[in-house]
Amino acid sequence: VQLQASGGGLVQPGGSMTLSCAASRFALDYYSIGWFRQAPGKEREGVSCFSFGDEKTYYADSVKGRFTISKDNAKNMVYLKMNSLKPEDTAVYHCATYTGCLDPNPTYWGQGTQVTVSS
């Protein structure tokens, strides 16, 4: 399993950004797949997840209504569209597989991408 996140950078508060995750050596449509983030000195936080099987999506309360997860099984890609970004969204974002979206512990994850929200 290989996962590579990209698309991070610096954005002003209120701005938008889309992260991408390229998955390789496994088929996305057989896994629950999502994003978590980690900021310096803070606990890992699950951000969003796409559930295997029922295709339900889950969001942390802190991002609900602002972030949208999507995926393209044919391209083996996962995306995280982030709107109305806040300074507290600053973190390294990782895409990851999960045994299920209700499990807070990721199974596999790759190198993350830094998102910095600052004016």
N, C-alpha and C. Protein backbone atom coordinates (compact mmCIF):
# COMPACT_ATOMS: atom_id res chain seq x y z
N VAL A 1 0.84 -1.19 0.00
CA VAL A 1 0.00 0.00 0.00
C VAL A 1 0.88 1.25 0.00
N GLN A 2 0.61 2.12 -0.95
CA GLN A 2 1.34 3.39 -0.97
C GLN A 2 0.34 4.53 -1.15
N LEU A 3 0.52 5.57 -0.36
CA LEU A 3 -0.34 6.73 -0.40
C LEU A 3 0.52 7.98 -0.41
N GLN A 4 0.25 8.88 -1.32
CA GLN A 4 1.05 10.10 -1.42
C GLN A 4 0.11 11.30 -1.52
N ALA A 5 0.16 12.13 -0.50
CA ALA A 5 -0.67 13.33 -0.49
C ALA A 5 0.08 14.50 -1.13
N SER A 6 -0.68 15.39 -1.76
CA SER A 6 -0.08 16.57 -2.38
C SER A 6 -1.12 17.69 -2.41
N GLY A 7 -0.66 18.88 -2.76
CA GLY A 7 -1.58 19.99 -2.93
C GLY A 7 -1.58 21.01 -1.81
N GLY A 8 -0.79 20.78 -0.78
CA GLY A 8 -0.74 21.72 0.33
C GLY A 8 0.02 22.98 -0.03
N GLY A 9 0.04 23.91 0.93
CA GLY A 9 0.74 25.17 0.72
C GLY A 9 0.25 26.22 1.68
N LEU A 10 0.48 27.46 1.33
CA LEU A 10 0.06 28.59 2.16
C LEU A 10 -1.20 29.20 1.58
N VAL A 11 -2.18 29.44 2.42
CA VAL A 11 -3.44 30.05 1.98
C VAL A 11 -3.91 31.02 3.05
N GLN A 12 -4.58 32.06 2.63
CA GLN A 12 -5.09 33.05 3.58
C GLN A 12 -6.36 32.54 4.25
N PRO A 13 -6.63 33.01 5.45
CA PRO A 13 -7.90 32.63 6.11
C PRO A 13 -9.08 32.97 5.20
N GLY A 14 -10.01 32.03 5.16
CA GLY A 14 -11.17 32.19 4.29
C GLY A 14 -10.96 31.62 2.91
N GLY A 15 -9.74 31.25 2.59
CA GLY A 15 -9.44 30.72 1.28
C GLY A 15 -9.79 29.24 1.13
N SER A 16 -9.49 28.72 -0.06
CA SER A 16 -9.79 27.33 -0.37
C SER A 16 -8.56 26.61 -0.89
N MET A 17 -8.60 25.31 -0.77
CA MET A 17 -7.48 24.48 -1.23
C MET A 17 -8.01 23.07 -1.44
N THR A 18 -7.47 22.39 -2.42
CA THR A 18 -7.84 20.99 -2.64
C THR A 18 -6.60 20.12 -2.52
N LEU A 19 -6.66 19.14 -1.66
CA LEU A 19 -5.59 18.17 -1.50
C LEU A 19 -5.91 16.93 -2.34
N SER A 20 -4.86 16.31 -2.84
CA SER A 20 -5.00 15.08 -3.62
C SER A 20 -4.19 13.98 -2.96
N CYS A 21 -4.64 12.76 -3.16
CA CYS A 21 -3.92 11.61 -2.64
C CYS A 21 -3.90 10.54 -3.72
N ALA A 22 -2.70 10.16 -4.11
CA ALA A 22 -2.54 9.09 -5.09
C ALA A 22 -2.28 7.79 -4.36
N ALA A 23 -3.13 6.82 -4.63
CA ALA A 23 -2.99 5.50 -4.01
C ALA A 23 -2.41 4.54 -5.03
N SER A 24 -1.50 3.71 -4.58
CA SER A 24 -0.92 2.71 -5.49
C SER A 24 -0.73 1.40 -4.76
N ARG A 25 -0.65 0.35 -5.52
CA ARG A 25 -0.46 -1.02 -5.04
C ARG A 25 -1.67 -1.57 -4.31
N PHE A 26 -2.81 -0.89 -4.43
CA PHE A 26 -4.05 -1.46 -3.93
C PHE A 26 -5.19 -0.72 -4.61
N ALA A 27 -6.37 -1.30 -4.59
CA ALA A 27 -7.53 -0.68 -5.24
C ALA A 27 -8.35 0.06 -4.19
N LEU A 28 -8.60 1.33 -4.46
CA LEU A 28 -9.31 2.18 -3.50
C LEU A 28 -10.68 1.65 -3.13
N ASP A 29 -11.35 1.03 -4.10
CA ASP A 29 -12.74 0.69 -3.85
C ASP A 29 -12.91 -0.50 -2.90
N TYR A 30 -11.80 -1.04 -2.38
CA TYR A 30 -11.90 -2.11 -1.40
C TYR A 30 -11.50 -1.67 0.00
N TYR A 31 -11.34 -0.35 0.19
CA TYR A 31 -10.90 0.16 1.49
C TYR A 31 -11.73 1.37 1.91
N SER A 32 -11.85 1.55 3.20
CA SER A 32 -12.27 2.85 3.71
C SER A 32 -11.04 3.74 3.65
N ILE A 33 -11.23 4.94 3.14
CA ILE A 33 -10.09 5.83 2.88
C ILE A 33 -10.44 7.22 3.37
N GLY A 34 -9.46 7.89 3.94
CA GLY A 34 -9.77 9.22 4.47
C GLY A 34 -8.54 10.05 4.71
N TRP A 35 -8.73 11.10 5.47
CA TRP A 35 -7.67 12.05 5.78
C TRP A 35 -7.60 12.27 7.29
N PHE A 36 -6.37 12.39 7.79
CA PHE A 36 -6.20 12.89 9.14
C PHE A 36 -5.15 13.99 9.09
N ARG A 37 -5.09 14.78 10.14
CA ARG A 37 -4.12 15.87 10.19
C ARG A 37 -3.44 15.88 11.54
N GLN A 38 -2.25 16.44 11.55
CA GLN A 38 -1.52 16.58 12.79
C GLN A 38 -0.78 17.89 12.80
N ALA A 39 -1.07 18.67 13.82
CA ALA A 39 -0.40 19.96 14.02
C ALA A 39 0.64 19.79 15.12
N PRO A 40 1.69 20.59 15.10
CA PRO A 40 2.73 20.48 16.14
C PRO A 40 2.14 20.59 17.53
N GLY A 41 2.49 19.64 18.39
CA GLY A 41 2.04 19.69 19.77
C GLY A 41 0.61 19.25 19.99
N LYS A 42 -0.05 18.81 18.92
CA LYS A 42 -1.45 18.40 19.05
C LYS A 42 -1.62 16.93 18.69
N GLU A 43 -2.72 16.36 19.16
CA GLU A 43 -3.06 14.98 18.84
C GLU A 43 -3.44 14.86 17.36
N ARG A 44 -3.23 13.68 16.81
CA ARG A 44 -3.72 13.39 15.47
C ARG A 44 -5.24 13.53 15.46
N GLU A 45 -5.76 14.13 14.42
CA GLU A 45 -7.21 14.34 14.32
C GLU A 45 -7.72 13.79 13.00
N GLY A 46 -8.67 12.88 13.08
CA GLY A 46 -9.33 12.39 11.88
C GLY A 46 -10.16 13.51 11.29
N VAL A 47 -10.04 13.75 10.00
CA VAL A 47 -10.72 14.87 9.36
C VAL A 47 -11.94 14.39 8.58
N SER A 48 -11.73 13.37 7.76
CA SER A 48 -12.82 12.91 6.91
C SER A 48 -12.54 11.49 6.45
N CYS A 49 -13.61 10.76 6.11
CA CYS A 49 -13.44 9.38 5.71
C CYS A 49 -14.54 8.96 4.75
N PHE A 50 -14.17 8.13 3.78
CA PHE A 50 -15.10 7.57 2.81
C PHE A 50 -15.21 6.08 3.12
N SER A 51 -16.40 5.65 3.47
CA SER A 51 -16.58 4.30 3.96
C SER A 51 -16.66 3.27 2.84
N PHE A 52 -15.92 2.16 2.99
CA PHE A 52 -15.98 1.07 2.03
C PHE A 52 -17.35 0.41 2.10
N GLY A 53 -17.88 0.11 0.96
CA GLY A 53 -19.14 -0.62 0.91
C GLY A 53 -20.35 0.29 0.77
N ASP A 54 -20.67 1.02 1.85
CA ASP A 54 -21.87 1.85 1.78
C ASP A 54 -21.59 3.26 1.24
N GLU A 55 -20.30 3.57 1.02
CA GLU A 55 -19.91 4.85 0.43
C GLU A 55 -20.37 6.06 1.26
N LYS A 56 -20.59 5.86 2.54
CA LYS A 56 -20.94 6.99 3.39
C LYS A 56 -19.70 7.84 3.66
N THR A 57 -19.92 9.12 3.89
CA THR A 57 -18.81 10.01 4.22
C THR A 57 -18.95 10.52 5.65
N TYR A 58 -17.83 10.70 6.29
CA TYR A 58 -17.79 11.15 7.67
C TYR A 58 -16.86 12.37 7.75
N TYR A 59 -17.21 13.28 8.65
CA TYR A 59 -16.42 14.49 8.84
C TYR A 59 -16.28 14.79 10.33
N ALA A 60 -15.11 15.31 10.70
CA ALA A 60 -14.95 15.82 12.06
C ALA A 60 -15.85 17.05 12.22
N ASP A 61 -16.34 17.26 13.42
CA ASP A 61 -17.19 18.42 13.67
C ASP A 61 -16.48 19.72 13.30
N SER A 62 -15.17 19.74 13.48
CA SER A 62 -14.40 20.96 13.25
C SER A 62 -14.35 21.36 11.77
N VAL A 63 -14.66 20.42 10.87
CA VAL A 63 -14.57 20.73 9.44
C VAL A 63 -15.90 20.55 8.71
N LYS A 64 -16.91 20.06 9.42
CA LYS A 64 -18.20 19.77 8.79
C LYS A 64 -18.76 21.04 8.15
N GLY A 65 -19.21 20.91 6.92
CA GLY A 65 -19.76 22.05 6.19
C GLY A 65 -18.72 22.85 5.44
N ARG A 66 -17.44 22.60 5.73
CA ARG A 66 -16.37 23.34 5.04
C ARG A 66 -15.53 22.43 4.14
N PHE A 67 -15.35 21.18 4.54
CA PHE A 67 -14.51 20.24 3.79
C PHE A 67 -15.39 19.21 3.09
N THR A 68 -14.93 18.74 1.94
CA THR A 68 -15.63 17.70 1.20
C THR A 68 -14.64 16.67 0.71
N ILE A 69 -14.89 15.41 1.02
CA ILE A 69 -14.04 14.33 0.54
C ILE A 69 -14.68 13.72 -0.70
N SER A 70 -13.83 13.34 -1.64
CA SER A 70 -14.32 12.66 -2.83
C SER A 70 -13.23 11.71 -3.31
N LYS A 71 -13.61 10.82 -4.20
CA LYS A 71 -12.60 9.90 -4.74
C LYS A 71 -12.95 9.52 -6.16
N ASP A 72 -11.93 9.09 -6.87
CA ASP A 72 -12.08 8.61 -8.24
C ASP A 72 -11.46 7.22 -8.27
N ASN A 73 -12.30 6.20 -8.21
CA ASN A 73 -11.78 4.83 -8.15
C ASN A 73 -11.00 4.47 -9.41
N ALA A 74 -11.42 4.98 -10.53
CA ALA A 74 -10.75 4.65 -11.79
C ALA A 74 -9.32 5.19 -11.80
N LYS A 75 -9.12 6.34 -11.20
CA LYS A 75 -7.78 6.94 -11.14
C LYS A 75 -7.06 6.59 -9.85
N ASN A 76 -7.74 5.91 -8.94
CA ASN A 76 -7.17 5.60 -7.63
C ASN A 76 -6.72 6.85 -6.89
N MET A 77 -7.57 7.85 -6.91
CA MET A 77 -7.26 9.14 -6.29
C MET A 77 -8.33 9.50 -5.27
N VAL A 78 -7.90 10.17 -4.21
CA VAL A 78 -8.80 10.70 -3.20
C VAL A 78 -8.52 12.20 -3.08
N TYR A 79 -9.57 12.96 -2.85
CA TYR A 79 -9.42 14.40 -2.78
C TYR A 79 -10.06 14.95 -1.50
N LEU A 80 -9.54 16.08 -1.06
CA LEU A 80 -10.15 16.79 0.06
C LEU A 80 -10.26 18.25 -0.34
N LYS A 81 -11.49 18.68 -0.60
CA LYS A 81 -11.74 20.07 -0.93
C LYS A 81 -11.99 20.82 0.37
N MET A 82 -11.19 21.85 0.60
CA MET A 82 -11.27 22.60 1.85
C MET A 82 -11.65 24.05 1.56
N ASN A 83 -12.75 24.48 2.10
CA ASN A 83 -13.22 25.85 1.94
C ASN A 83 -13.22 26.57 3.28
N SER A 84 -13.31 27.88 3.22
CA SER A 84 -13.40 28.71 4.44
C SER A 84 -12.33 28.32 5.46
N LEU A 85 -11.13 28.23 4.98
CA LEU A 85 -10.04 27.75 5.83
C LEU A 85 -9.76 28.72 6.97
N LYS A 86 -9.39 28.14 8.11
CA LYS A 86 -9.11 28.89 9.32
C LYS A 86 -7.67 28.62 9.76
N PRO A 87 -7.08 29.53 10.52
CA PRO A 87 -5.71 29.27 11.01
C PRO A 87 -5.60 27.95 11.77
N GLU A 88 -6.65 27.55 12.45
CA GLU A 88 -6.60 26.30 13.21
C GLU A 88 -6.63 25.06 12.32
N ASP A 89 -6.81 25.24 11.00
CA ASP A 89 -6.71 24.13 10.07
C ASP A 89 -5.26 23.85 9.68
N THR A 90 -4.35 24.69 10.12
CA THR A 90 -2.94 24.50 9.81
C THR A 90 -2.44 23.19 10.41
N ALA A 91 -1.86 22.34 9.56
CA ALA A 91 -1.40 21.02 10.00
C ALA A 91 -0.78 20.32 8.80
N VAL A 92 -0.16 19.18 9.08
CA VAL A 92 0.24 18.26 8.02
C VAL A 92 -0.93 17.30 7.79
N TYR A 93 -1.37 17.21 6.57
CA TYR A 93 -2.52 16.38 6.21
C TYR A 93 -2.01 15.10 5.54
N HIS A 94 -2.53 13.97 6.03
CA HIS A 94 -2.17 12.66 5.49
C HIS A 94 -3.42 11.97 4.98
N CYS A 95 -3.30 11.26 3.88
CA CYS A 95 -4.39 10.35 3.52
C CYS A 95 -4.05 8.97 4.07
N ALA A 96 -5.07 8.21 4.37
CA ALA A 96 -4.86 6.95 5.06
C ALA A 96 -5.98 5.98 4.78
N THR A 97 -5.69 4.71 4.94
CA THR A 97 -6.74 3.68 4.90
C THR A 97 -7.17 3.38 6.33
N TYR A 98 -8.40 2.91 6.44
CA TYR A 98 -8.96 2.54 7.74
C TYR A 98 -9.68 1.22 7.60
N THR A 99 -9.74 0.46 8.71
CA THR A 99 -10.55 -0.77 8.67
C THR A 99 -12.02 -0.40 8.56
N GLY A 100 -12.36 0.75 9.07
CA GLY A 100 -13.71 1.30 8.95
C GLY A 100 -13.65 2.74 9.39
N CYS A 101 -14.58 3.55 8.90
CA CYS A 101 -14.51 4.99 9.21
C CYS A 101 -14.77 5.30 10.68
N LEU A 102 -15.34 4.37 11.41
CA LEU A 102 -15.57 4.62 12.82
C LEU A 102 -14.35 4.23 13.68
N ASP A 103 -13.35 3.66 13.04
CA ASP A 103 -12.10 3.34 13.73
C ASP A 103 -11.19 4.55 13.63
N PRO A 104 -10.79 5.15 14.75
CA PRO A 104 -9.99 6.38 14.68
C PRO A 104 -8.53 6.14 14.28
N ASN A 105 -8.11 4.88 14.28
CA ASN A 105 -6.71 4.58 14.02
C ASN A 105 -6.49 4.18 12.56
N PRO A 106 -5.69 4.95 11.83
CA PRO A 106 -5.44 4.59 10.44
C PRO A 106 -4.60 3.31 10.36
N THR A 107 -4.78 2.60 9.25
CA THR A 107 -4.03 1.36 9.04
C THR A 107 -2.75 1.63 8.26
N TYR A 108 -2.88 2.30 7.15
CA TYR A 108 -1.73 2.69 6.34
C TYR A 108 -1.85 4.18 6.03
N TRP A 109 -0.74 4.85 5.99
CA TRP A 109 -0.72 6.25 5.57
C TRP A 109 0.64 6.58 4.99
N GLY A 110 0.67 7.63 4.23
CA GLY A 110 1.90 8.02 3.57
C GLY A 110 2.39 9.37 4.06
N GLN A 111 3.36 9.87 3.35
CA GLN A 111 3.89 11.18 3.68
C GLN A 111 2.81 12.23 3.46
N GLY A 112 2.70 13.15 4.38
CA GLY A 112 1.65 14.14 4.32
C GLY A 112 2.05 15.38 3.53
N THR A 113 1.11 16.31 3.47
CA THR A 113 1.35 17.58 2.83
C THR A 113 0.99 18.70 3.80
N GLN A 114 1.86 19.71 3.88
CA GLN A 114 1.67 20.79 4.85
C GLN A 114 0.64 21.79 4.34
N VAL A 115 -0.32 22.11 5.17
CA VAL A 115 -1.28 23.18 4.90
C VAL A 115 -1.09 24.25 5.96
N THR A 116 -0.83 25.46 5.51
CA THR A 116 -0.65 26.59 6.43
C THR A 116 -1.67 27.66 6.09
N VAL A 117 -2.48 28.01 7.07
CA VAL A 117 -3.51 29.04 6.87
C VAL A 117 -3.08 30.26 7.67
N SER A 118 -2.68 31.28 6.96
CA SER A 118 -2.14 32.47 7.63
C SER A 118 -2.24 33.68 6.70
N SER A 119 -2.41 34.84 7.32
CA SER A 119 -2.42 36.07 6.53
C SER A 119 -1.02 36.69 6.51
